[in-house]
């Protein structure tokens, strides 16, 4: 949801944080959980908190401005 709200493909997001598309896909589908350093990178990329990535609701990413 956050990646799509940021207007990024999986390939773009993975490249931005230095991860593989395979890893990002597993994270998005709940097959695995990223290590803390990846969570921080994702939160920075998506302009949200790490808590938001785990479902803590503090803002609606669809209302954020597009890049």
PDB file of N, CA and C in Angstrom:
ATOM      1  N   UNK A   1       0.824  -1.179   0.000  1.00  0.00           N
ATOM      2  CA  UNK A   1       0.000   0.000   0.000  1.00  0.00           C
ATOM      3  C   UNK A   1       0.879   1.258   0.000  1.00  0.00           C
ATOM      4  N   UNK A   2       1.904   1.292   0.841  1.00  0.00           N
ATOM      5  CA  UNK A   2       2.762   2.469   0.906  1.00  0.00           C
ATOM      6  C   UNK A   2       3.584   2.632  -0.366  1.00  0.00           C
ATOM      7  N   UNK A   3       4.058   1.520  -0.906  1.00  0.00           N
ATOM      8  CA  UNK A   3       4.837   1.589  -2.147  1.00  0.00           C
ATOM      9  C   UNK A   3       3.975   2.134  -3.272  1.00  0.00           C
ATOM     10  N   UNK A   4       2.771   1.627  -3.388  1.00  0.00           N
ATOM     11  CA  UNK A   4       1.872   2.088  -4.440  1.00  0.00           C
ATOM     12  C   UNK A   4       1.498   3.552  -4.239  1.00  0.00           C
ATOM     13  N   UNK A   5       1.274   3.956  -2.984  1.00  0.00           N
ATOM     14  CA  UNK A   5       0.950   5.355  -2.698  1.00  0.00           C
ATOM     15  C   UNK A   5       2.119   6.273  -3.068  1.00  0.00           C
ATOM     16  N   UNK A   6       3.331   5.749  -2.974  1.00  0.00           N
ATOM     17  CA  UNK A   6       4.517   6.522  -3.346  1.00  0.00           C
ATOM     18  C   UNK A   6       4.729   6.521  -4.862  1.00  0.00           C
ATOM     19  N   UNK A   7       3.906   5.740  -5.575  1.00  0.00           N
ATOM     20  CA  UNK A   7       4.012   5.687  -7.027  1.00  0.00           C
ATOM     21  C   UNK A   7       5.219   4.914  -7.530  1.00  0.00           C
ATOM     22  N   UNK A   8       5.644   3.922  -6.748  1.00  0.00           N
ATOM     23  CA  UNK A   8       6.831   3.145  -7.095  1.00  0.00           C
ATOM     24  C   UNK A   8       6.470   1.710  -7.473  1.00  0.00           C
ATOM     25  N   UNK A   9       7.199   1.157  -8.426  1.00  0.00           N
ATOM     26  CA  UNK A   9       7.079  -0.268  -8.721  1.00  0.00           C
ATOM     27  C   UNK A   9       7.937  -1.021  -7.714  1.00  0.00           C
ATOM     28  N   UNK A  10       7.784  -2.326  -7.653  1.00  0.00           N
ATOM     29  CA  UNK A  10       8.641  -3.118  -6.771  1.00  0.00           C
ATOM     30  C   UNK A  10      10.096  -2.957  -7.182  1.00  0.00           C
ATOM     31  N   UNK A  11      10.354  -2.945  -8.472  1.00  0.00           N
ATOM     32  CA  UNK A  11      11.729  -2.797  -8.957  1.00  0.00           C
ATOM     33  C   UNK A  11      12.332  -1.467  -8.514  1.00  0.00           C
ATOM     34  N   UNK A  12      11.562  -0.390  -8.634  1.00  0.00           N
ATOM     35  CA  UNK A  12      12.050   0.934  -8.239  1.00  0.00           C
ATOM     36  C   UNK A  12      12.317   1.003  -6.738  1.00  0.00           C
ATOM     37  N   UNK A  13      11.372   0.496  -5.947  1.00  0.00           N
ATOM     38  CA  UNK A  13      11.539   0.530  -4.496  1.00  0.00           C
ATOM     39  C   UNK A  13      12.740  -0.299  -4.065  1.00  0.00           C
ATOM     40  N   UNK A  14      12.875  -1.479  -4.621  1.00  0.00           N
ATOM     41  CA  UNK A  14      14.011  -2.345  -4.273  1.00  0.00           C
ATOM     42  C   UNK A  14      15.330  -1.657  -4.625  1.00  0.00           C
ATOM     43  N   UNK A  15      15.402  -1.059  -5.799  1.00  0.00           N
ATOM     44  CA  UNK A  15      16.619  -0.373  -6.220  1.00  0.00           C
ATOM     45  C   UNK A  15      16.938   0.799  -5.287  1.00  0.00           C
ATOM     46  N   UNK A  16      15.918   1.553  -4.895  1.00  0.00           N
ATOM     47  CA  UNK A  16      16.114   2.720  -4.023  1.00  0.00           C
ATOM     48  C   UNK A  16      16.744   2.343  -2.684  1.00  0.00           C
ATOM     49  N   UNK A  17      16.360   1.184  -2.146  1.00  0.00           N
ATOM     50  CA  UNK A  17      16.889   0.809  -0.830  1.00  0.00           C
ATOM     51  C   UNK A  17      18.017  -0.219  -0.915  1.00  0.00           C
ATOM     52  N   UNK A  18      18.330  -0.666  -2.122  1.00  0.00           N
ATOM     53  CA  UNK A  18      19.427  -1.617  -2.286  1.00  0.00           C
ATOM     54  C   UNK A  18      19.062  -3.055  -1.971  1.00  0.00           C
ATOM     55  N   UNK A  19      17.781  -3.380  -2.095  1.00  0.00           N
ATOM     56  CA  UNK A  19      17.313  -4.750  -1.846  1.00  0.00           C
ATOM     57  C   UNK A  19      17.002  -5.425  -3.181  1.00  0.00           C
ATOM     58  N   UNK A  20      16.723  -6.708  -3.120  1.00  0.00           N
ATOM     59  CA  UNK A  20      16.310  -7.424  -4.324  1.00  0.00           C
ATOM     60  C   UNK A  20      14.787  -7.349  -4.450  1.00  0.00           C
ATOM     61  N   UNK A  21      14.304  -7.484  -5.665  1.00  0.00           N
ATOM     62  CA  UNK A  21      12.863  -7.517  -5.890  1.00  0.00           C
ATOM     63  C   UNK A  21      12.264  -8.723  -5.182  1.00  0.00           C
ATOM     64  N   UNK A  22      12.984  -9.830  -5.195  1.00  0.00           N
ATOM     65  CA  UNK A  22      12.517 -11.042  -4.530  1.00  0.00           C
ATOM     66  C   UNK A  22      12.288 -10.800  -3.037  1.00  0.00           C
ATOM     67  N   UNK A  23      13.225 -10.121  -2.396  1.00  0.00           N
ATOM     68  CA  UNK A  23      13.083  -9.828  -0.963  1.00  0.00           C
ATOM     69  C   UNK A  23      11.891  -8.911  -0.729  1.00  0.00           C
ATOM     70  N   UNK A  24      11.772  -7.872  -1.534  1.00  0.00           N
ATOM     71  CA  UNK A  24      10.669  -6.931  -1.370  1.00  0.00           C
ATOM     72  C   UNK A  24       9.325  -7.631  -1.558  1.00  0.00           C
ATOM     73  N   UNK A  25       9.242  -8.505  -2.526  1.00  0.00           N
ATOM     74  CA  UNK A  25       8.016  -9.268  -2.767  1.00  0.00           C
ATOM     75  C   UNK A  25       7.656 -10.116  -1.546  1.00  0.00           C
ATOM     76  N   UNK A  26       8.651 -10.786  -0.963  1.00  0.00           N
ATOM     77  CA  UNK A  26       8.405 -11.608   0.231  1.00  0.00           C
ATOM     78  C   UNK A  26       7.919 -10.752   1.389  1.00  0.00           C
ATOM     79  N   UNK A  27       8.499  -9.569   1.551  1.00  0.00           N
ATOM     80  CA  UNK A  27       8.072  -8.678   2.633  1.00  0.00           C
ATOM     81  C   UNK A  27       6.634  -8.233   2.414  1.00  0.00           C
ATOM     82  N   UNK A  28       6.323  -7.858   1.185  1.00  0.00           N
ATOM     83  CA  UNK A  28       4.973  -7.358   0.895  1.00  0.00           C
ATOM     84  C   UNK A  28       3.914  -8.439   1.043  1.00  0.00           C
ATOM     85  N   UNK A  29       4.273  -9.681   0.808  1.00  0.00           N
ATOM     86  CA  UNK A  29       3.305 -10.780   0.907  1.00  0.00           C
ATOM     87  C   UNK A  29       3.333 -11.462   2.273  1.00  0.00           C
ATOM     88  N   UNK A  30       4.134 -10.948   3.190  1.00  0.00           N
ATOM     89  CA  UNK A  30       4.183 -11.491   4.537  1.00  0.00           C
ATOM     90  C   UNK A  30       4.890 -12.821   4.659  1.00  0.00           C
ATOM     91  N   UNK A  31       5.672 -13.187   3.640  1.00  0.00           N
ATOM     92  CA  UNK A  31       6.422 -14.447   3.675  1.00  0.00           C
ATOM     93  C   UNK A  31       7.611 -14.323   4.624  1.00  0.00           C
ATOM     94  N   UNK A  32       8.191 -13.129   4.666  1.00  0.00           N
ATOM     95  CA  UNK A  32       9.289 -12.869   5.593  1.00  0.00           C
ATOM     96  C   UNK A  32       9.183 -11.418   6.055  1.00  0.00           C
ATOM     97  N   UNK A  33       9.940 -11.100   7.083  1.00  0.00           N
ATOM     98  CA  UNK A  33       9.941  -9.750   7.651  1.00  0.00           C
ATOM     99  C   UNK A  33      11.341  -9.173   7.470  1.00  0.00           C
ATOM    100  N   UNK A  34      11.420  -7.941   6.987  1.00  0.00           N
ATOM    101  CA  UNK A  34      12.742  -7.346   6.791  1.00  0.00           C
ATOM    102  C   UNK A  34      13.457  -7.087   8.114  1.00  0.00           C
ATOM    103  N   UNK A  35      14.776  -7.113   8.046  1.00  0.00           N
ATOM    104  CA  UNK A  35      15.589  -6.762   9.215  1.00  0.00           C
ATOM    105  C   UNK A  35      15.380  -5.281   9.542  1.00  0.00           C
ATOM    106  N   UNK A  36      15.717  -4.860  10.755  1.00  0.00           N
ATOM    107  CA  UNK A  36      15.489  -3.465  11.163  1.00  0.00           C
ATOM    108  C   UNK A  36      16.059  -2.421  10.202  1.00  0.00           C
ATOM    109  N   UNK A  37      17.241  -2.662   9.657  1.00  0.00           N
ATOM    110  CA  UNK A  37      17.815  -1.658   8.756  1.00  0.00           C
ATOM    111  C   UNK A  37      17.000  -1.516   7.468  1.00  0.00           C
ATOM    112  N   UNK A  38      16.386  -2.608   7.018  1.00  0.00           N
ATOM    113  CA  UNK A  38      15.523  -2.535   5.838  1.00  0.00           C
ATOM    114  C   UNK A  38      14.219  -1.834   6.174  1.00  0.00           C
ATOM    115  N   UNK A  39      13.699  -2.079   7.368  1.00  0.00           N
ATOM    116  CA  UNK A  39      12.472  -1.400   7.794  1.00  0.00           C
ATOM    117  C   UNK A  39      12.676   0.107   7.835  1.00  0.00           C
ATOM    118  N   UNK A  40      13.811   0.526   8.359  1.00  0.00           N
ATOM    119  CA  UNK A  40      14.114   1.951   8.418  1.00  0.00           C
ATOM    120  C   UNK A  40      14.210   2.543   7.015  1.00  0.00           C
ATOM    121  N   UNK A  41      14.880   1.834   6.114  1.00  0.00           N
ATOM    122  CA  UNK A  41      15.019   2.309   4.732  1.00  0.00           C
ATOM    123  C   UNK A  41      13.655   2.397   4.048  1.00  0.00           C
ATOM    124  N   UNK A  42      12.811   1.404   4.269  1.00  0.00           N
ATOM    125  CA  UNK A  42      11.475   1.430   3.672  1.00  0.00           C
ATOM    126  C   UNK A  42      10.637   2.586   4.219  1.00  0.00           C
ATOM    127  N   UNK A  43      10.687   2.783   5.523  1.00  0.00           N
ATOM    128  CA  UNK A  43       9.930   3.872   6.135  1.00  0.00           C
ATOM    129  C   UNK A  43      10.390   5.223   5.596  1.00  0.00           C
ATOM    130  N   UNK A  44      11.684   5.401   5.442  1.00  0.00           N
ATOM    131  CA  UNK A  44      12.196   6.648   4.882  1.00  0.00           C
ATOM    132  C   UNK A  44      11.743   6.817   3.433  1.00  0.00           C
ATOM    133  N   UNK A  45      11.828   5.753   2.652  1.00  0.00           N
ATOM    134  CA  UNK A  45      11.433   5.809   1.248  1.00  0.00           C
ATOM    135  C   UNK A  45       9.954   6.140   1.113  1.00  0.00           C
ATOM    136  N   UNK A  46       9.130   5.521   1.939  1.00  0.00           N
ATOM    137  CA  UNK A  46       7.686   5.706   1.838  1.00  0.00           C
ATOM    138  C   UNK A  46       7.180   6.879   2.676  1.00  0.00           C
ATOM    139  N   UNK A  47       8.095   7.567   3.344  1.00  0.00           N
ATOM    140  CA  UNK A  47       7.752   8.730   4.172  1.00  0.00           C
ATOM    141  C   UNK A  47       6.680   8.398   5.213  1.00  0.00           C
ATOM    142  N   UNK A  48       6.948   7.331   5.954  1.00  0.00           N
ATOM    143  CA  UNK A  48       6.049   6.920   7.022  1.00  0.00           C
ATOM    144  C   UNK A  48       6.902   6.411   8.178  1.00  0.00           C
ATOM    145  N   UNK A  49       6.262   5.986   9.239  1.00  0.00           N
ATOM    146  CA  UNK A  49       7.002   5.421  10.366  1.00  0.00           C
ATOM    147  C   UNK A  49       7.107   3.906  10.187  1.00  0.00           C
ATOM    148  N   UNK A  50       8.047   3.307  10.898  1.00  0.00           N
ATOM    149  CA  UNK A  50       8.158   1.846  10.887  1.00  0.00           C
ATOM    150  C   UNK A  50       6.862   1.245  11.417  1.00  0.00           C
ATOM    151  N   UNK A  51       6.268   1.881  12.418  1.00  0.00           N
ATOM    152  CA  UNK A  51       4.989   1.411  12.955  1.00  0.00           C
ATOM    153  C   UNK A  51       3.907   1.362  11.889  1.00  0.00           C
ATOM    154  N   UNK A  52       3.894   2.371  10.995  1.00  0.00           N
ATOM    155  CA  UNK A  52       2.914   2.364   9.904  1.00  0.00           C
ATOM    156  C   UNK A  52       3.065   1.120   9.047  1.00  0.00           C
ATOM    157  N   UNK A  53       4.289   0.683   8.822  1.00  0.00           N
ATOM    158  CA  UNK A  53       4.526  -0.496   7.994  1.00  0.00           C
ATOM    159  C   UNK A  53       3.920  -1.753   8.606  1.00  0.00           C
ATOM    160  N   UNK A  54       3.735  -1.732   9.930  1.00  0.00           N
ATOM    161  CA  UNK A  54       3.151  -2.876  10.633  1.00  0.00           C
ATOM    162  C   UNK A  54       1.688  -2.661  10.976  1.00  0.00           C
ATOM    163  N   UNK A  55       1.086  -1.640  10.378  1.00  0.00           N
ATOM    164  CA  UNK A  55      -0.339  -1.449  10.554  1.00  0.00           C
ATOM    165  C   UNK A  55      -0.754  -0.371  11.526  1.00  0.00           C
ATOM    166  N   UNK A  56       0.198   0.283  12.163  1.00  0.00           N
ATOM    167  CA  UNK A  56      -0.145   1.386  13.046  1.00  0.00           C
ATOM    168  C   UNK A  56      -0.661   2.525  12.176  1.00  0.00           C
ATOM    169  N   UNK A  57      -1.870   2.959  12.434  1.00  0.00           N
ATOM    170  CA  UNK A  57      -2.482   3.969  11.574  1.00  0.00           C
ATOM    171  C   UNK A  57      -2.290   5.351  12.183  1.00  0.00           C
ATOM    172  N   UNK A  58      -1.550   6.184  11.457  1.00  0.00           N
ATOM    173  CA  UNK A  58      -1.378   7.570  11.873  1.00  0.00           C
ATOM    174  C   UNK A  58      -1.680   8.524  10.725  1.00  0.00           C
ATOM    175  N   UNK A  59      -1.736   7.987   9.502  1.00  0.00           N
ATOM    176  CA  UNK A  59      -2.048   8.799   8.333  1.00  0.00           C
ATOM    177  C   UNK A  59      -2.536   7.887   7.216  1.00  0.00           C
ATOM    178  N   UNK A  60      -3.238   8.465   6.275  1.00  0.00           N
ATOM    179  CA  UNK A  60      -3.696   7.720   5.112  1.00  0.00           C
ATOM    180  C   UNK A  60      -2.704   7.956   3.983  1.00  0.00           C
ATOM    181  N   UNK A  61      -1.944   6.931   3.586  1.00  0.00           N
ATOM    182  CA  UNK A  61      -0.926   7.145   2.559  1.00  0.00           C
ATOM    183  C   UNK A  61      -1.508   7.568   1.218  1.00  0.00           C
ATOM    184  N   UNK A  62      -2.774   7.278   0.980  1.00  0.00           N
ATOM    185  CA  UNK A  62      -3.393   7.664  -0.282  1.00  0.00           C
ATOM    186  C   UNK A  62      -3.641   9.166  -0.349  1.00  0.00           C
ATOM    187  N   UNK A  63      -3.639   9.832   0.809  1.00  0.00           N
ATOM    188  CA  UNK A  63      -3.860  11.273   0.840  1.00  0.00           C
ATOM    189  C   UNK A  63      -2.553  12.054   0.776  1.00  0.00           C
ATOM    190  N   UNK A  64      -1.438  11.344   0.857  1.00  0.00           N
ATOM    191  CA  UNK A  64      -0.135  12.011   0.773  1.00  0.00           C
ATOM    192  C   UNK A  64       0.089  12.528  -0.627  1.00  0.00           C
ATOM    193  N   UNK A  65       0.932  13.504  -0.737  1.00  0.00           N
ATOM    194  CA  UNK A  65       1.233  14.028  -2.064  1.00  0.00           C
ATOM    195  C   UNK A  65       2.055  13.012  -2.834  1.00  0.00           C
ATOM    196  N   UNK A  66       1.844  12.972  -4.134  1.00  0.00           N
ATOM    197  CA  UNK A  66       2.615  12.077  -4.996  1.00  0.00           C
ATOM    198  C   UNK A  66       3.975  12.705  -5.256  1.00  0.00           C
ATOM    199  N   UNK A  67       4.961  11.850  -5.457  1.00  0.00           N
ATOM    200  CA  UNK A  67       6.295  12.346  -5.777  1.00  0.00           C
ATOM    201  C   UNK A  67       6.369  12.800  -7.196  1.00  0.00           C
TER     202      UNK A  67
END
